Amino acid sequence: MHPKIFILILFGAVLTAGCGEKQEKLLIDEDKLVNILAEVHMAEGEMETVNMSDRDTLGKSLYQLIMTHYGVRREDFDQTMIILREDPDRLERVYEKVLDKLSKIQAQYPDKN
């Protein structure tokens, strides 16, 4: 085989091998992330009832409590969310699970709708 043809074939193989992108590993287990996100969204909903001047302080405290409860560093949570934003299909799958979890929680408290 001619060396130029071999190089072209090799180059093409390398290019096509890169097309099947692997998903970047999340720093937080997906099931744990779903629980964290559900709690974050519930906390944000509760913060809507708080005076605007207190929301920032309360928000930081609630986020820290949630992260501590799940044994997660805020930096790892933020990086995990960056990874997910770069993969919209995966982000959508995670949020479908979050919405399902929130719906189940809401169903437990029918009078609070």
N, C-alpha and C. Protein backbone atom coordinates (compact mmCIF):
# COMPACT_ATOMS: atom_id res chain seq x y z
N MET A 1 0.85 -1.17 0.00
CA MET A 1 0.00 0.00 0.00
C MET A 1 0.90 1.23 0.00
N HIS A 2 0.49 2.20 -0.76
CA HIS A 2 1.25 3.43 -0.87
C HIS A 2 1.20 4.17 0.47
N PRO A 3 2.32 4.73 0.95
CA PRO A 3 2.35 5.38 2.26
C PRO A 3 1.34 6.53 2.41
N LYS A 4 1.11 7.29 1.34
CA LYS A 4 0.16 8.41 1.43
C LYS A 4 -1.26 7.89 1.64
N ILE A 5 -1.61 6.82 0.95
CA ILE A 5 -2.94 6.24 1.11
C ILE A 5 -3.11 5.70 2.53
N PHE A 6 -2.07 5.03 3.02
CA PHE A 6 -2.11 4.50 4.37
C PHE A 6 -2.32 5.62 5.39
N ILE A 7 -1.60 6.72 5.22
CA ILE A 7 -1.73 7.86 6.14
C ILE A 7 -3.14 8.44 6.07
N LEU A 8 -3.70 8.56 4.86
CA LEU A 8 -5.06 9.08 4.71
C LEU A 8 -6.08 8.17 5.39
N ILE A 9 -5.92 6.87 5.22
CA ILE A 9 -6.83 5.91 5.86
C ILE A 9 -6.70 6.00 7.38
N LEU A 10 -5.48 6.06 7.87
CA LEU A 10 -5.23 6.17 9.31
C LEU A 10 -5.83 7.47 9.86
N PHE A 11 -5.63 8.57 9.14
CA PHE A 11 -6.17 9.87 9.55
C PHE A 11 -7.70 9.82 9.60
N GLY A 12 -8.32 9.21 8.59
CA GLY A 12 -9.77 9.07 8.57
C GLY A 12 -10.28 8.24 9.72
N ALA A 13 -9.56 7.17 10.04
CA ALA A 13 -9.97 6.31 11.16
C ALA A 13 -9.89 7.06 12.48
N VAL A 14 -8.86 7.86 12.64
CA VAL A 14 -8.71 8.65 13.87
C VAL A 14 -9.85 9.67 13.98
N LEU A 15 -10.18 10.32 12.88
CA LEU A 15 -11.26 11.31 12.89
C LEU A 15 -12.60 10.68 13.22
N THR A 16 -12.90 9.54 12.63
CA THR A 16 -14.20 8.91 12.89
C THR A 16 -14.25 8.31 14.29
N ALA A 17 -13.12 7.91 14.83
CA ALA A 17 -13.11 7.38 16.19
C ALA A 17 -13.47 8.46 17.19
N GLY A 18 -13.11 9.70 16.89
CA GLY A 18 -13.44 10.81 17.78
C GLY A 18 -14.88 11.23 17.72
N CYS A 19 -15.62 10.76 16.72
CA CYS A 19 -17.02 11.17 16.56
C CYS A 19 -17.92 10.56 17.62
N GLY A 20 -17.61 9.39 18.09
CA GLY A 20 -18.43 8.75 19.12
C GLY A 20 -18.02 9.26 20.48
N GLU A 21 -18.42 10.49 20.80
CA GLU A 21 -18.01 11.13 22.04
C GLU A 21 -18.51 10.35 23.25
N LYS A 22 -17.64 10.21 24.22
CA LYS A 22 -18.02 9.58 25.47
C LYS A 22 -18.58 10.66 26.39
N GLN A 23 -19.56 10.27 27.20
CA GLN A 23 -20.10 11.21 28.17
C GLN A 23 -19.07 11.42 29.26
N GLU A 24 -18.88 12.68 29.61
CA GLU A 24 -17.96 12.99 30.70
C GLU A 24 -18.59 12.50 32.00
N LYS A 25 -17.78 11.89 32.84
CA LYS A 25 -18.27 11.35 34.11
C LYS A 25 -18.68 12.49 35.03
N LEU A 26 -19.87 12.34 35.61
CA LEU A 26 -20.35 13.34 36.56
C LEU A 26 -19.61 13.17 37.89
N LEU A 27 -19.37 14.27 38.57
CA LEU A 27 -18.68 14.22 39.85
C LEU A 27 -19.61 13.75 40.98
N ILE A 28 -20.91 13.82 40.71
CA ILE A 28 -21.92 13.40 41.69
C ILE A 28 -22.76 12.30 41.04
N ASP A 29 -22.98 11.23 41.78
CA ASP A 29 -23.83 10.14 41.31
C ASP A 29 -25.18 10.70 40.85
N GLU A 30 -25.68 10.21 39.73
CA GLU A 30 -26.90 10.78 39.14
C GLU A 30 -28.11 10.69 40.08
N ASP A 31 -28.27 9.59 40.80
CA ASP A 31 -29.40 9.47 41.73
C ASP A 31 -29.29 10.50 42.85
N LYS A 32 -28.09 10.67 43.36
CA LYS A 32 -27.86 11.67 44.40
C LYS A 32 -28.12 13.07 43.84
N LEU A 33 -27.68 13.31 42.62
CA LEU A 33 -27.88 14.61 41.98
C LEU A 33 -29.37 14.91 41.83
N VAL A 34 -30.16 13.92 41.44
CA VAL A 34 -31.61 14.11 41.30
C VAL A 34 -32.20 14.54 42.65
N ASN A 35 -31.79 13.89 43.73
CA ASN A 35 -32.29 14.26 45.06
C ASN A 35 -31.88 15.67 45.43
N ILE A 36 -30.63 16.01 45.15
CA ILE A 36 -30.13 17.36 45.46
C ILE A 36 -30.93 18.41 44.68
N LEU A 37 -31.09 18.18 43.38
CA LEU A 37 -31.80 19.15 42.54
C LEU A 37 -33.25 19.30 42.98
N ALA A 38 -33.88 18.21 43.36
CA ALA A 38 -35.26 18.29 43.83
C ALA A 38 -35.33 19.15 45.09
N GLU A 39 -34.42 18.92 46.01
CA GLU A 39 -34.41 19.71 47.25
C GLU A 39 -34.08 21.18 46.98
N VAL A 40 -33.17 21.42 46.05
CA VAL A 40 -32.82 22.80 45.69
C VAL A 40 -34.05 23.51 45.14
N HIS A 41 -34.79 22.85 44.28
CA HIS A 41 -35.98 23.48 43.69
C HIS A 41 -37.07 23.70 44.74
N MET A 42 -37.20 22.78 45.68
CA MET A 42 -38.17 23.00 46.76
C MET A 42 -37.75 24.17 47.63
N ALA A 43 -36.45 24.26 47.91
CA ALA A 43 -35.94 25.38 48.72
C ALA A 43 -36.16 26.70 48.00
N GLU A 44 -35.91 26.72 46.70
CA GLU A 44 -36.12 27.95 45.93
C GLU A 44 -37.59 28.35 45.95
N GLY A 45 -38.48 27.38 45.91
CA GLY A 45 -39.91 27.67 46.00
C GLY A 45 -40.27 28.29 47.34
N GLU A 46 -39.69 27.76 48.40
CA GLU A 46 -39.95 28.31 49.74
C GLU A 46 -39.37 29.71 49.88
N MET A 47 -38.27 29.98 49.22
CA MET A 47 -37.64 31.30 49.31
C MET A 47 -38.50 32.39 48.69
N GLU A 48 -39.42 32.00 47.82
CA GLU A 48 -40.32 32.98 47.21
C GLU A 48 -41.21 33.65 48.25
N THR A 49 -41.39 32.99 49.39
CA THR A 49 -42.24 33.55 50.44
C THR A 49 -41.48 34.45 51.40
N VAL A 50 -40.17 34.55 51.23
CA VAL A 50 -39.31 35.32 52.12
C VAL A 50 -39.10 36.72 51.55
N ASN A 51 -38.91 37.69 52.44
CA ASN A 51 -38.61 39.05 51.99
C ASN A 51 -37.40 39.05 51.08
N MET A 52 -37.45 39.89 50.06
CA MET A 52 -36.38 39.96 49.07
C MET A 52 -35.02 40.21 49.73
N SER A 53 -34.98 41.03 50.75
CA SER A 53 -33.70 41.37 51.39
C SER A 53 -33.07 40.17 52.10
N ASP A 54 -33.88 39.18 52.46
CA ASP A 54 -33.36 38.01 53.18
C ASP A 54 -33.07 36.83 52.26
N ARG A 55 -33.50 36.89 51.02
CA ARG A 55 -33.40 35.73 50.12
C ARG A 55 -31.97 35.29 49.86
N ASP A 56 -31.08 36.23 49.63
CA ASP A 56 -29.70 35.87 49.29
C ASP A 56 -29.05 35.11 50.44
N THR A 57 -29.18 35.64 51.64
CA THR A 57 -28.59 34.99 52.81
C THR A 57 -29.23 33.63 53.06
N LEU A 58 -30.55 33.59 53.01
CA LEU A 58 -31.26 32.33 53.22
C LEU A 58 -30.91 31.32 52.14
N GLY A 59 -30.84 31.79 50.90
CA GLY A 59 -30.51 30.90 49.79
C GLY A 59 -29.15 30.24 49.97
N LYS A 60 -28.16 31.03 50.33
CA LYS A 60 -26.82 30.47 50.56
C LYS A 60 -26.84 29.44 51.68
N SER A 61 -27.57 29.75 52.74
CA SER A 61 -27.65 28.82 53.87
C SER A 61 -28.34 27.52 53.47
N LEU A 62 -29.44 27.64 52.73
CA LEU A 62 -30.17 26.43 52.31
C LEU A 62 -29.33 25.57 51.37
N TYR A 63 -28.65 26.21 50.41
CA TYR A 63 -27.79 25.45 49.51
C TYR A 63 -26.72 24.72 50.31
N GLN A 64 -26.11 25.41 51.27
CA GLN A 64 -25.06 24.78 52.07
C GLN A 64 -25.61 23.61 52.87
N LEU A 65 -26.80 23.77 53.44
CA LEU A 65 -27.42 22.67 54.20
C LEU A 65 -27.68 21.46 53.30
N ILE A 66 -28.19 21.71 52.11
CA ILE A 66 -28.48 20.61 51.19
C ILE A 66 -27.19 19.90 50.79
N MET A 67 -26.17 20.67 50.44
CA MET A 67 -24.89 20.07 50.03
C MET A 67 -24.28 19.26 51.18
N THR A 68 -24.34 19.82 52.39
CA THR A 68 -23.80 19.13 53.56
C THR A 68 -24.58 17.84 53.83
N HIS A 69 -25.90 17.92 53.72
CA HIS A 69 -26.75 16.74 53.95
C HIS A 69 -26.35 15.58 53.02
N TYR A 70 -26.02 15.90 51.78
CA TYR A 70 -25.66 14.86 50.81
C TYR A 70 -24.15 14.62 50.73
N GLY A 71 -23.38 15.31 51.54
CA GLY A 71 -21.93 15.11 51.54
C GLY A 71 -21.27 15.53 50.25
N VAL A 72 -21.75 16.64 49.68
CA VAL A 72 -21.26 17.11 48.38
C VAL A 72 -20.67 18.51 48.54
N ARG A 73 -19.53 18.73 47.92
CA ARG A 73 -18.94 20.07 47.91
C ARG A 73 -19.64 20.92 46.86
N ARG A 74 -19.83 22.18 47.16
CA ARG A 74 -20.51 23.08 46.21
C ARG A 74 -19.76 23.12 44.89
N GLU A 75 -18.43 23.06 44.93
CA GLU A 75 -17.63 23.09 43.71
C GLU A 75 -17.94 21.88 42.83
N ASP A 76 -18.11 20.72 43.45
CA ASP A 76 -18.44 19.51 42.68
C ASP A 76 -19.84 19.61 42.08
N PHE A 77 -20.76 20.19 42.83
CA PHE A 77 -22.12 20.39 42.31
C PHE A 77 -22.08 21.33 41.11
N ASP A 78 -21.37 22.45 41.25
CA ASP A 78 -21.28 23.43 40.16
C ASP A 78 -20.64 22.81 38.92
N GLN A 79 -19.57 22.05 39.11
CA GLN A 79 -18.88 21.42 37.98
C GLN A 79 -19.78 20.37 37.31
N THR A 80 -20.54 19.63 38.11
CA THR A 80 -21.47 18.65 37.57
C THR A 80 -22.52 19.33 36.70
N MET A 81 -23.01 20.47 37.15
CA MET A 81 -24.01 21.21 36.38
C MET A 81 -23.41 21.75 35.08
N ILE A 82 -22.15 22.14 35.10
CA ILE A 82 -21.47 22.59 33.88
C ILE A 82 -21.38 21.44 32.88
N ILE A 83 -21.00 20.26 33.37
CA ILE A 83 -20.91 19.08 32.51
C ILE A 83 -22.28 18.79 31.88
N LEU A 84 -23.33 18.87 32.67
CA LEU A 84 -24.67 18.58 32.16
C LEU A 84 -25.13 19.63 31.15
N ARG A 85 -24.80 20.89 31.38
CA ARG A 85 -25.21 21.94 30.43
C ARG A 85 -24.56 21.74 29.07
N GLU A 86 -23.41 21.09 29.05
CA GLU A 86 -22.72 20.82 27.79
C GLU A 86 -23.30 19.60 27.07
N ASP A 87 -24.21 18.89 27.72
CA ASP A 87 -24.85 17.70 27.15
C ASP A 87 -26.37 17.81 27.38
N PRO A 88 -27.06 18.61 26.54
CA PRO A 88 -28.48 18.90 26.76
C PRO A 88 -29.37 17.67 26.87
N ASP A 89 -29.09 16.62 26.10
CA ASP A 89 -29.91 15.41 26.18
C ASP A 89 -29.80 14.77 27.56
N ARG A 90 -28.60 14.72 28.07
CA ARG A 90 -28.37 14.15 29.39
C ARG A 90 -29.01 15.03 30.47
N LEU A 91 -28.88 16.34 30.32
CA LEU A 91 -29.49 17.27 31.26
C LEU A 91 -31.01 17.07 31.28
N GLU A 92 -31.59 16.90 30.11
CA GLU A 92 -33.03 16.68 30.02
C GLU A 92 -33.44 15.39 30.74
N ARG A 93 -32.65 14.32 30.57
CA ARG A 93 -32.96 13.05 31.24
C ARG A 93 -32.90 13.21 32.76
N VAL A 94 -31.89 13.94 33.24
CA VAL A 94 -31.77 14.16 34.68
C VAL A 94 -32.98 14.95 35.19
N TYR A 95 -33.33 16.01 34.45
CA TYR A 95 -34.45 16.84 34.91
C TYR A 95 -35.79 16.14 34.79
N GLU A 96 -35.93 15.18 33.90
CA GLU A 96 -37.15 14.37 33.87
C GLU A 96 -37.28 13.59 35.17
N LYS A 97 -36.15 13.09 35.66
CA LYS A 97 -36.16 12.37 36.94
C LYS A 97 -36.46 13.31 38.10
N VAL A 98 -35.91 14.53 38.03
CA VAL A 98 -36.17 15.52 39.08
C VAL A 98 -37.67 15.86 39.11
N LEU A 99 -38.24 16.11 37.93
CA LEU A 99 -39.67 16.43 37.86
C LEU A 99 -40.53 15.28 38.36
N ASP A 100 -40.13 14.05 38.04
CA ASP A 100 -40.85 12.88 38.52
C ASP A 100 -40.80 12.82 40.05
N LYS A 101 -39.63 13.07 40.60
CA LYS A 101 -39.47 13.05 42.06
C LYS A 101 -40.31 14.15 42.71
N LEU A 102 -40.28 15.35 42.13
CA LEU A 102 -41.07 16.46 42.68
C LEU A 102 -42.57 16.17 42.59
N SER A 103 -42.99 15.53 41.51
CA SER A 103 -44.41 15.17 41.36
C SER A 103 -44.83 14.17 42.43
N LYS A 104 -43.96 13.21 42.73
CA LYS A 104 -44.26 12.22 43.77
C LYS A 104 -44.34 12.88 45.14
N ILE A 105 -43.45 13.82 45.39
CA ILE A 105 -43.47 14.54 46.67
C ILE A 105 -44.75 15.36 46.77
N GLN A 106 -45.09 16.05 45.70
CA GLN A 106 -46.30 16.87 45.69
C GLN A 106 -47.54 16.02 45.91
N ALA A 107 -47.56 14.83 45.35
CA ALA A 107 -48.72 13.94 45.50
C ALA A 107 -48.92 13.51 46.96
N GLN A 108 -47.86 13.54 47.75
CA GLN A 108 -47.97 13.19 49.17
C GLN A 108 -48.68 14.27 49.98
N TYR A 109 -48.74 15.48 49.42
CA TYR A 109 -49.34 16.63 50.11
C TYR A 109 -50.40 17.28 49.22
N PRO A 110 -51.51 16.58 49.00
CA PRO A 110 -52.51 17.09 48.05
C PRO A 110 -53.13 18.42 48.46
N ASP A 111 -53.19 18.74 49.74
CA ASP A 111 -53.80 19.99 50.19
C ASP A 111 -52.90 21.20 49.95
N LYS A 112 -51.64 20.99 49.66
CA LYS A 112 -50.69 22.09 49.48
C LYS A 112 -50.60 22.55 48.04
N ASN A 113 -51.39 21.99 47.14
CA ASN A 113 -51.33 22.39 45.73
C ASN A 113 -51.81 23.78 45.66
